[in-house]
């Protein structure tokens, strides 16, 4: 995942500016972001059900690491099963 130029707090402030009544296009021009990025951030911050975005990202990273561990262990198990079957024959 690419590192953002903006911290979660900065993103929240940008979203708050629009919530305060400014137009999204004007806010995006001031901060040098695209309107598409603004709406992507808005969707991300609204869909986490009160969970902080930093915590959500940490959980996503942990989930990725755990999936990788499961894949590695599955490969180890498969290799061991093949080795055992060869020694028993």
PDB file of N, CA and C in Angstrom:
ATOM      1  N   UNK A   1       0.845  -1.165   0.000  1.00  0.00           N
ATOM      2  CA  UNK A   1       0.000   0.000   0.000  1.00  0.00           C
ATOM      3  C   UNK A   1       0.898   1.238   0.000  1.00  0.00           C
ATOM      4  N   UNK A   2       0.593   2.197  -0.868  1.00  0.00           N
ATOM      5  CA  UNK A   2       1.388   3.398  -0.991  1.00  0.00           C
ATOM      6  C   UNK A   2       1.114   4.336   0.182  1.00  0.00           C
ATOM      7  N   UNK A   3       2.170   4.979   0.661  1.00  0.00           N
ATOM      8  CA  UNK A   3       2.049   5.926   1.772  1.00  0.00           C
ATOM      9  C   UNK A   3       1.375   7.209   1.284  1.00  0.00           C
ATOM     10  N   UNK A   4       0.407   7.691   2.011  1.00  0.00           N
ATOM     11  CA  UNK A   4      -0.313   8.912   1.664  1.00  0.00           C
ATOM     12  C   UNK A   4       0.501  10.143   2.049  1.00  0.00           C
ATOM     13  N   UNK A   5       0.327  11.205   1.283  1.00  0.00           N
ATOM     14  CA  UNK A   5       0.977  12.470   1.634  1.00  0.00           C
ATOM     15  C   UNK A   5       0.298  13.115   2.828  1.00  0.00           C
ATOM     16  N   UNK A   6      -0.920  12.715   3.089  1.00  0.00           N
ATOM     17  CA  UNK A   6      -1.717  13.322   4.150  1.00  0.00           C
ATOM     18  C   UNK A   6      -1.927  12.321   5.280  1.00  0.00           C
ATOM     19  N   UNK A   7      -1.812  12.808   6.508  1.00  0.00           N
ATOM     20  CA  UNK A   7      -2.093  11.944   7.656  1.00  0.00           C
ATOM     21  C   UNK A   7      -3.610  11.800   7.803  1.00  0.00           C
ATOM     22  N   UNK A   8      -4.014  10.869   8.641  1.00  0.00           N
ATOM     23  CA  UNK A   8      -5.443  10.670   8.875  1.00  0.00           C
ATOM     24  C   UNK A   8      -6.088  11.926   9.453  1.00  0.00           C
ATOM     25  N   UNK A   9      -5.360  12.643  10.308  1.00  0.00           N
ATOM     26  CA  UNK A   9      -5.895  13.879  10.888  1.00  0.00           C
ATOM     27  C   UNK A   9      -6.084  14.953   9.822  1.00  0.00           C
ATOM     28  N   UNK A  10      -5.121  15.064   8.905  1.00  0.00           N
ATOM     29  CA  UNK A  10      -5.233  16.052   7.829  1.00  0.00           C
ATOM     30  C   UNK A  10      -6.409  15.722   6.914  1.00  0.00           C
ATOM     31  N   UNK A  11      -6.586  14.448   6.632  1.00  0.00           N
ATOM     32  CA  UNK A  11      -7.717  14.032   5.799  1.00  0.00           C
ATOM     33  C   UNK A  11      -9.029  14.383   6.494  1.00  0.00           C
ATOM     34  N   UNK A  12      -9.103  14.132   7.791  1.00  0.00           N
ATOM     35  CA  UNK A  12     -10.317  14.453   8.548  1.00  0.00           C
ATOM     36  C   UNK A  12     -10.603  15.953   8.511  1.00  0.00           C
ATOM     37  N   UNK A  13      -9.554  16.778   8.590  1.00  0.00           N
ATOM     38  CA  UNK A  13      -9.744  18.231   8.532  1.00  0.00           C
ATOM     39  C   UNK A  13     -10.250  18.664   7.162  1.00  0.00           C
ATOM     40  N   UNK A  14      -9.720  18.049   6.103  1.00  0.00           N
ATOM     41  CA  UNK A  14     -10.171  18.381   4.749  1.00  0.00           C
ATOM     42  C   UNK A  14     -11.643  18.012   4.589  1.00  0.00           C
ATOM     43  N   UNK A  15     -12.025  16.849   5.080  1.00  0.00           N
ATOM     44  CA  UNK A  15     -13.427  16.433   5.002  1.00  0.00           C
ATOM     45  C   UNK A  15     -14.321  17.348   5.836  1.00  0.00           C
ATOM     46  N   UNK A  16     -13.801  17.817   6.963  1.00  0.00           N
ATOM     47  CA  UNK A  16     -14.577  18.712   7.828  1.00  0.00           C
ATOM     48  C   UNK A  16     -14.811  20.063   7.157  1.00  0.00           C
ATOM     49  N   UNK A  17     -13.846  20.512   6.342  1.00  0.00           N
ATOM     50  CA  UNK A  17     -14.028  21.780   5.629  1.00  0.00           C
ATOM     51  C   UNK A  17     -15.237  21.705   4.710  1.00  0.00           C
ATOM     52  N   UNK A  18     -15.384  20.584   4.017  1.00  0.00           N
ATOM     53  CA  UNK A  18     -16.529  20.428   3.116  1.00  0.00           C
ATOM     54  C   UNK A  18     -17.809  20.265   3.925  1.00  0.00           C
ATOM     55  N   UNK A  19     -17.733  19.549   5.033  1.00  0.00           N
ATOM     56  CA  UNK A  19     -18.906  19.389   5.889  1.00  0.00           C
ATOM     57  C   UNK A  19     -19.333  20.736   6.468  1.00  0.00           C
ATOM     58  N   UNK A  20     -18.380  21.656   6.591  1.00  0.00           N
ATOM     59  CA  UNK A  20     -18.672  22.987   7.107  1.00  0.00           C
ATOM     60  C   UNK A  20     -19.319  23.910   6.093  1.00  0.00           C
ATOM     61  N   UNK A  21     -19.450  23.462   4.850  1.00  0.00           N
ATOM     62  CA  UNK A  21     -20.168  24.264   3.871  1.00  0.00           C
ATOM     63  C   UNK A  21     -19.383  24.659   2.639  1.00  0.00           C
ATOM     64  N   UNK A  22     -18.092  24.412   2.606  1.00  0.00           N
ATOM     65  CA  UNK A  22     -17.311  24.742   1.416  1.00  0.00           C
ATOM     66  C   UNK A  22     -17.569  23.713   0.320  1.00  0.00           C
ATOM     67  N   UNK A  23     -17.339  24.124  -0.927  1.00  0.00           N
ATOM     68  CA  UNK A  23     -17.555  23.216  -2.051  1.00  0.00           C
ATOM     69  C   UNK A  23     -16.366  22.270  -2.191  1.00  0.00           C
ATOM     70  N   UNK A  24     -16.639  21.003  -2.488  1.00  0.00           N
ATOM     71  CA  UNK A  24     -15.551  20.022  -2.606  1.00  0.00           C
ATOM     72  C   UNK A  24     -14.479  20.419  -3.623  1.00  0.00           C
ATOM     73  N   UNK A  25     -14.886  20.950  -4.758  1.00  0.00           N
ATOM     74  CA  UNK A  25     -13.921  21.318  -5.794  1.00  0.00           C
ATOM     75  C   UNK A  25     -12.954  22.392  -5.289  1.00  0.00           C
ATOM     76  N   UNK A  26     -13.477  23.378  -4.573  1.00  0.00           N
ATOM     77  CA  UNK A  26     -12.631  24.457  -4.052  1.00  0.00           C
ATOM     78  C   UNK A  26     -11.652  23.930  -3.004  1.00  0.00           C
ATOM     79  N   UNK A  27     -12.121  23.078  -2.122  1.00  0.00           N
ATOM     80  CA  UNK A  27     -11.258  22.510  -1.081  1.00  0.00           C
ATOM     81  C   UNK A  27     -10.166  21.655  -1.716  1.00  0.00           C
ATOM     82  N   UNK A  28     -10.527  20.894  -2.740  1.00  0.00           N
ATOM     83  CA  UNK A  28      -9.546  20.041  -3.425  1.00  0.00           C
ATOM     84  C   UNK A  28      -8.467  20.879  -4.098  1.00  0.00           C
ATOM     85  N   UNK A  29      -8.843  21.992  -4.691  1.00  0.00           N
ATOM     86  CA  UNK A  29      -7.854  22.866  -5.329  1.00  0.00           C
ATOM     87  C   UNK A  29      -6.898  23.454  -4.299  1.00  0.00           C
ATOM     88  N   UNK A  30      -7.420  23.869  -3.163  1.00  0.00           N
ATOM     89  CA  UNK A  30      -6.589  24.465  -2.119  1.00  0.00           C
ATOM     90  C   UNK A  30      -5.551  23.459  -1.616  1.00  0.00           C
ATOM     91  N   UNK A  31      -5.962  22.210  -1.451  1.00  0.00           N
ATOM     92  CA  UNK A  31      -5.078  21.191  -0.874  1.00  0.00           C
ATOM     93  C   UNK A  31      -4.307  20.395  -1.922  1.00  0.00           C
ATOM     94  N   UNK A  32      -4.595  20.636  -3.189  1.00  0.00           N
ATOM     95  CA  UNK A  32      -3.857  19.964  -4.255  1.00  0.00           C
ATOM     96  C   UNK A  32      -4.199  18.496  -4.417  1.00  0.00           C
ATOM     97  N   UNK A  33      -5.462  18.166  -4.236  1.00  0.00           N
ATOM     98  CA  UNK A  33      -5.904  16.784  -4.431  1.00  0.00           C
ATOM     99  C   UNK A  33      -7.002  16.767  -5.484  1.00  0.00           C
ATOM    100  N   UNK A  34      -7.238  15.595  -6.046  1.00  0.00           N
ATOM    101  CA  UNK A  34      -8.309  15.485  -7.028  1.00  0.00           C
ATOM    102  C   UNK A  34      -9.645  15.309  -6.305  1.00  0.00           C
ATOM    103  N   UNK A  35     -10.707  15.627  -7.011  1.00  0.00           N
ATOM    104  CA  UNK A  35     -12.046  15.461  -6.442  1.00  0.00           C
ATOM    105  C   UNK A  35     -12.313  13.975  -6.201  1.00  0.00           C
ATOM    106  N   UNK A  36     -11.786  13.131  -7.085  1.00  0.00           N
ATOM    107  CA  UNK A  36     -11.949  11.686  -6.920  1.00  0.00           C
ATOM    108  C   UNK A  36     -11.304  11.218  -5.612  1.00  0.00           C
ATOM    109  N   UNK A  37     -10.123  11.740  -5.307  1.00  0.00           N
ATOM    110  CA  UNK A  37      -9.454  11.392  -4.052  1.00  0.00           C
ATOM    111  C   UNK A  37     -10.301  11.829  -2.864  1.00  0.00           C
ATOM    112  N   UNK A  38     -10.864  13.024  -2.952  1.00  0.00           N
ATOM    113  CA  UNK A  38     -11.718  13.520  -1.871  1.00  0.00           C
ATOM    114  C   UNK A  38     -12.873  12.562  -1.606  1.00  0.00           C
ATOM    115  N   UNK A  39     -13.566  12.143  -2.665  1.00  0.00           N
ATOM    116  CA  UNK A  39     -14.721  11.266  -2.478  1.00  0.00           C
ATOM    117  C   UNK A  39     -14.305   9.865  -2.023  1.00  0.00           C
ATOM    118  N   UNK A  40     -13.116   9.416  -2.411  1.00  0.00           N
ATOM    119  CA  UNK A  40     -12.605   8.131  -1.931  1.00  0.00           C
ATOM    120  C   UNK A  40     -12.348   8.214  -0.427  1.00  0.00           C
ATOM    121  N   UNK A  41     -11.726   9.320   0.000  1.00  0.00           N
ATOM    122  CA  UNK A  41     -11.494   9.532   1.432  1.00  0.00           C
ATOM    123  C   UNK A  41     -12.810   9.599   2.186  1.00  0.00           C
ATOM    124  N   UNK A  42     -13.771  10.299   1.617  1.00  0.00           N
ATOM    125  CA  UNK A  42     -15.071  10.454   2.263  1.00  0.00           C
ATOM    126  C   UNK A  42     -15.730   9.090   2.466  1.00  0.00           C
ATOM    127  N   UNK A  43     -15.666   8.252   1.456  1.00  0.00           N
ATOM    128  CA  UNK A  43     -16.247   6.909   1.569  1.00  0.00           C
ATOM    129  C   UNK A  43     -15.499   6.077   2.603  1.00  0.00           C
ATOM    130  N   UNK A  44     -14.195   6.192   2.633  1.00  0.00           N
ATOM    131  CA  UNK A  44     -13.391   5.431   3.591  1.00  0.00           C
ATOM    132  C   UNK A  44     -13.705   5.843   5.021  1.00  0.00           C
ATOM    133  N   UNK A  45     -13.791   7.136   5.264  1.00  0.00           N
ATOM    134  CA  UNK A  45     -14.016   7.620   6.622  1.00  0.00           C
ATOM    135  C   UNK A  45     -15.453   7.386   7.082  1.00  0.00           C
ATOM    136  N   UNK A  46     -16.402   7.298   6.157  1.00  0.00           N
ATOM    137  CA  UNK A  46     -17.791   7.095   6.557  1.00  0.00           C
ATOM    138  C   UNK A  46     -18.131   5.629   6.769  1.00  0.00           C
ATOM    139  N   UNK A  47     -17.365   4.724   6.181  1.00  0.00           N
ATOM    140  CA  UNK A  47     -17.730   3.312   6.221  1.00  0.00           C
ATOM    141  C   UNK A  47     -17.052   2.519   7.321  1.00  0.00           C
ATOM    142  N   UNK A  48     -16.349   3.168   8.230  1.00  0.00           N
ATOM    143  CA  UNK A  48     -15.651   2.400   9.251  1.00  0.00           C
ATOM    144  C   UNK A  48     -16.413   2.313  10.567  1.00  0.00           C
ATOM    145  N   UNK A  49     -17.652   2.778  10.608  1.00  0.00           N
ATOM    146  CA  UNK A  49     -18.550   2.619  11.756  1.00  0.00           C
ATOM    147  C   UNK A  49     -17.947   3.083  13.076  1.00  0.00           C
ATOM    148  N   UNK A  50     -17.340   4.255  13.086  1.00  0.00           N
ATOM    149  CA  UNK A  50     -16.805   4.817  14.312  1.00  0.00           C
ATOM    150  C   UNK A  50     -15.410   4.352  14.661  1.00  0.00           C
ATOM    151  N   UNK A  51     -14.888   3.375  13.947  1.00  0.00           N
ATOM    152  CA  UNK A  51     -13.539   2.882  14.208  1.00  0.00           C
ATOM    153  C   UNK A  51     -12.550   3.859  13.575  1.00  0.00           C
ATOM    154  N   UNK A  52     -11.481   4.158  14.268  1.00  0.00           N
ATOM    155  CA  UNK A  52     -10.515   5.092  13.703  1.00  0.00           C
ATOM    156  C   UNK A  52      -9.871   4.473  12.473  1.00  0.00           C
ATOM    157  N   UNK A  53      -9.530   5.307  11.522  1.00  0.00           N
ATOM    158  CA  UNK A  53      -8.952   4.829  10.271  1.00  0.00           C
ATOM    159  C   UNK A  53      -7.601   4.172  10.525  1.00  0.00           C
ATOM    160  N   UNK A  54      -6.839   4.694  11.472  1.00  0.00           N
ATOM    161  CA  UNK A  54      -5.541   4.094  11.789  1.00  0.00           C
ATOM    162  C   UNK A  54      -5.737   2.672  12.311  1.00  0.00           C
ATOM    163  N   UNK A  55      -6.718   2.483  13.167  1.00  0.00           N
ATOM    164  CA  UNK A  55      -6.995   1.134  13.690  1.00  0.00           C
ATOM    165  C   UNK A  55      -7.467   0.220  12.569  1.00  0.00           C
ATOM    166  N   UNK A  56      -8.291   0.737  11.689  1.00  0.00           N
ATOM    167  CA  UNK A  56      -8.769  -0.051  10.561  1.00  0.00           C
ATOM    168  C   UNK A  56      -7.607  -0.485   9.677  1.00  0.00           C
ATOM    169  N   UNK A  57      -6.685   0.425   9.402  1.00  0.00           N
ATOM    170  CA  UNK A  57      -5.516   0.082   8.584  1.00  0.00           C
ATOM    171  C   UNK A  57      -4.642  -0.949   9.287  1.00  0.00           C
ATOM    172  N   UNK A  58      -4.469  -0.807  10.590  1.00  0.00           N
ATOM    173  CA  UNK A  58      -3.682  -1.790  11.341  1.00  0.00           C
ATOM    174  C   UNK A  58      -4.321  -3.173  11.271  1.00  0.00           C
ATOM    175  N   UNK A  59      -5.643  -3.216  11.371  1.00  0.00           N
ATOM    176  CA  UNK A  59      -6.337  -4.498  11.280  1.00  0.00           C
ATOM    177  C   UNK A  59      -6.193  -5.109   9.889  1.00  0.00           C
ATOM    178  N   UNK A  60      -6.245  -4.266   8.855  1.00  0.00           N
ATOM    179  CA  UNK A  60      -6.068  -4.766   7.493  1.00  0.00           C
ATOM    180  C   UNK A  60      -4.661  -5.327   7.298  1.00  0.00           C
ATOM    181  N   UNK A  61      -3.653  -4.645   7.837  1.00  0.00           N
ATOM    182  CA  UNK A  61      -2.280  -5.142   7.731  1.00  0.00           C
ATOM    183  C   UNK A  61      -2.108  -6.454   8.491  1.00  0.00           C
ATOM    184  N   UNK A  62      -2.689  -6.524   9.686  1.00  0.00           N
ATOM    185  CA  UNK A  62      -2.607  -7.752  10.467  1.00  0.00           C
ATOM    186  C   UNK A  62      -3.300  -8.897   9.733  1.00  0.00           C
ATOM    187  N   UNK A  63      -4.444  -8.614   9.138  1.00  0.00           N
ATOM    188  CA  UNK A  63      -5.172  -9.618   8.374  1.00  0.00           C
ATOM    189  C   UNK A  63      -4.318 -10.133   7.218  1.00  0.00           C
ATOM    190  N   UNK A  64      -3.639  -9.228   6.527  1.00  0.00           N
ATOM    191  CA  UNK A  64      -2.768  -9.617   5.416  1.00  0.00           C
ATOM    192  C   UNK A  64      -1.629 -10.510   5.910  1.00  0.00           C
ATOM    193  N   UNK A  65      -1.002 -10.124   7.019  1.00  0.00           N
ATOM    194  CA  UNK A  65       0.093 -10.928   7.571  1.00  0.00           C
ATOM    195  C   UNK A  65      -0.393 -12.318   7.988  1.00  0.00           C
ATOM    196  N   UNK A  66      -1.570 -12.382   8.602  1.00  0.00           N
ATOM    197  CA  UNK A  66      -2.108 -13.672   9.025  1.00  0.00           C
ATOM    198  C   UNK A  66      -2.438 -14.564   7.830  1.00  0.00           C
ATOM    199  N   UNK A  67      -2.978 -13.975   6.770  1.00  0.00           N
ATOM    200  CA  UNK A  67      -3.254 -14.753   5.560  1.00  0.00           C
ATOM    201  C   UNK A  67      -1.964 -15.298   4.966  1.00  0.00           C
ATOM    202  N   UNK A  68      -0.911 -14.491   4.984  1.00  0.00           N
ATOM    203  CA  UNK A  68       0.385 -14.932   4.473  1.00  0.00           C
ATOM    204  C   UNK A  68       0.934 -16.072   5.322  1.00  0.00           C
ATOM    205  N   UNK A  69       0.776 -15.979   6.634  1.00  0.00           N
ATOM    206  CA  UNK A  69       1.230 -17.038   7.535  1.00  0.00           C
ATOM    207  C   UNK A  69       0.480 -18.337   7.267  1.00  0.00           C
ATOM    208  N   UNK A  70      -0.826 -18.247   7.082  1.00  0.00           N
ATOM    209  CA  UNK A  70      -1.624 -19.438   6.779  1.00  0.00           C
ATOM    210  C   UNK A  70      -1.163 -20.064   5.467  1.00  0.00           C
ATOM    211  N   UNK A  71      -0.901 -19.245   4.470  1.00  0.00           N
ATOM    212  CA  UNK A  71      -0.428 -19.766   3.184  1.00  0.00           C
ATOM    213  C   UNK A  71       0.919 -20.466   3.344  1.00  0.00           C
ATOM    214  N   UNK A  72       1.827 -19.872   4.102  1.00  0.00           N
ATOM    215  CA  UNK A  72       3.141 -20.483   4.332  1.00  0.00           C
ATOM    216  C   UNK A  72       3.011 -21.815   5.073  1.00  0.00           C
ATOM    217  N   UNK A  73       2.173 -21.841   6.096  1.00  0.00           N
ATOM    218  CA  UNK A  73       1.986 -23.071   6.861  1.00  0.00           C
ATOM    219  C   UNK A  73       1.321 -24.158   6.020  1.00  0.00           C
ATOM    220  N   UNK A  74       0.392 -23.780   5.168  1.00  0.00           N
ATOM    221  CA  UNK A  74      -0.249 -24.753   4.282  1.00  0.00           C
ATOM    222  C   UNK A  74       0.771 -25.372   3.341  1.00  0.00           C
ATOM    223  N   UNK A  75       1.669 -24.554   2.833  1.00  0.00           N
ATOM    224  CA  UNK A  75       2.729 -25.059   1.964  1.00  0.00           C
ATOM    225  C   UNK A  75       3.652 -26.005   2.728  1.00  0.00           C
ATOM    226  N   UNK A  76       3.991 -25.653   3.963  1.00  0.00           N
ATOM    227  CA  UNK A  76       4.828 -26.527   4.793  1.00  0.00           C
ATOM    228  C   UNK A  76       4.147 -27.873   5.035  1.00  0.00           C
ATOM    229  N   UNK A  77       2.871 -27.841   5.339  1.00  0.00           N
ATOM    230  CA  UNK A  77       2.118 -29.072   5.590  1.00  0.00           C
ATOM    231  C   UNK A  77       2.096 -29.945   4.341  1.00  0.00           C
ATOM    232  N   UNK A  78       1.840 -29.336   3.197  1.00  0.00           N
ATOM    233  CA  UNK A  78       1.807 -30.078   1.941  1.00  0.00           C
ATOM    234  C   UNK A  78       3.169 -30.720   1.662  1.00  0.00           C
ATOM    235  N   UNK A  79       4.241 -29.979   1.896  1.00  0.00           N
ATOM    236  CA  UNK A  79       5.591 -30.501   1.681  1.00  0.00           C
ATOM    237  C   UNK A  79       5.874 -31.672   2.615  1.00  0.00           C
ATOM    238  N   UNK A  80       5.487 -31.546   3.868  1.00  0.00           N
ATOM    239  CA  UNK A  80       5.698 -32.627   4.830  1.00  0.00           C
ATOM    240  C   UNK A  80       4.886 -33.870   4.479  1.00  0.00           C
ATOM    241  N   UNK A  81       3.659 -33.688   4.010  1.00  0.00           N
ATOM    242  CA  UNK A  81       2.836 -34.829   3.612  1.00  0.00           C
ATOM    243  C   UNK A  81       3.477 -35.579   2.448  1.00  0.00           C
ATOM    244  N   UNK A  82       4.018 -34.836   1.486  1.00  0.00           N
ATOM    245  CA  UNK A  82       4.694 -35.464   0.348  1.00  0.00           C
ATOM    246  C   UNK A  82       5.928 -36.214   0.828  1.00  0.00           C
ATOM    247  N   UNK A  83       6.690 -35.616   1.729  1.00  0.00           N
ATOM    248  CA  UNK A  83       7.902 -36.262   2.244  1.00  0.00           C
ATOM    249  C   UNK A  83       7.558 -37.534   3.016  1.00  0.00           C
ATOM    250  N   UNK A  84       6.504 -37.497   3.808  1.00  0.00           N
ATOM    251  CA  UNK A  84       6.093 -38.676   4.576  1.00  0.00           C
ATOM    252  C   UNK A  84       5.615 -39.780   3.639  1.00  0.00           C
ATOM    253  N   UNK A  85       4.841 -39.415   2.635  1.00  0.00           N
ATOM    254  CA  UNK A  85       4.339 -40.438   1.706  1.00  0.00           C
ATOM    255  C   UNK A  85       5.486 -41.100   0.944  1.00  0.00           C
ATOM    256  N   UNK A  86       6.547 -40.374   0.642  1.00  0.00           N
ATOM    257  CA  UNK A  86       7.705 -40.946  -0.054  1.00  0.00           C
ATOM    258  C   UNK A  86       8.482 -41.880   0.862  1.00  0.00           C
ATOM    259  N   UNK A  87       8.576 -41.547   2.144  1.00  0.00           N
ATOM    260  CA  UNK A  87       9.335 -42.399   3.067  1.00  0.00           C
ATOM    261  C   UNK A  87       8.568 -43.669   3.414  1.00  0.00           C
ATOM    262  N   UNK A  88       7.255 -43.638   3.345  1.00  0.00           N
ATOM    263  CA  UNK A  88       6.449 -44.812   3.666  1.00  0.00           C
ATOM    264  C   UNK A  88       6.368 -45.794   2.507  1.00  0.00           C
ATOM    265  N   UNK A  89       6.713 -45.376   1.316  1.00  0.00           N
ATOM    266  CA  UNK A  89       6.611 -46.263   0.147  1.00  0.00           C
ATOM    267  C   UNK A  89       7.821 -47.096  -0.030  1.00  0.00           C
TER     268      UNK A  89
END
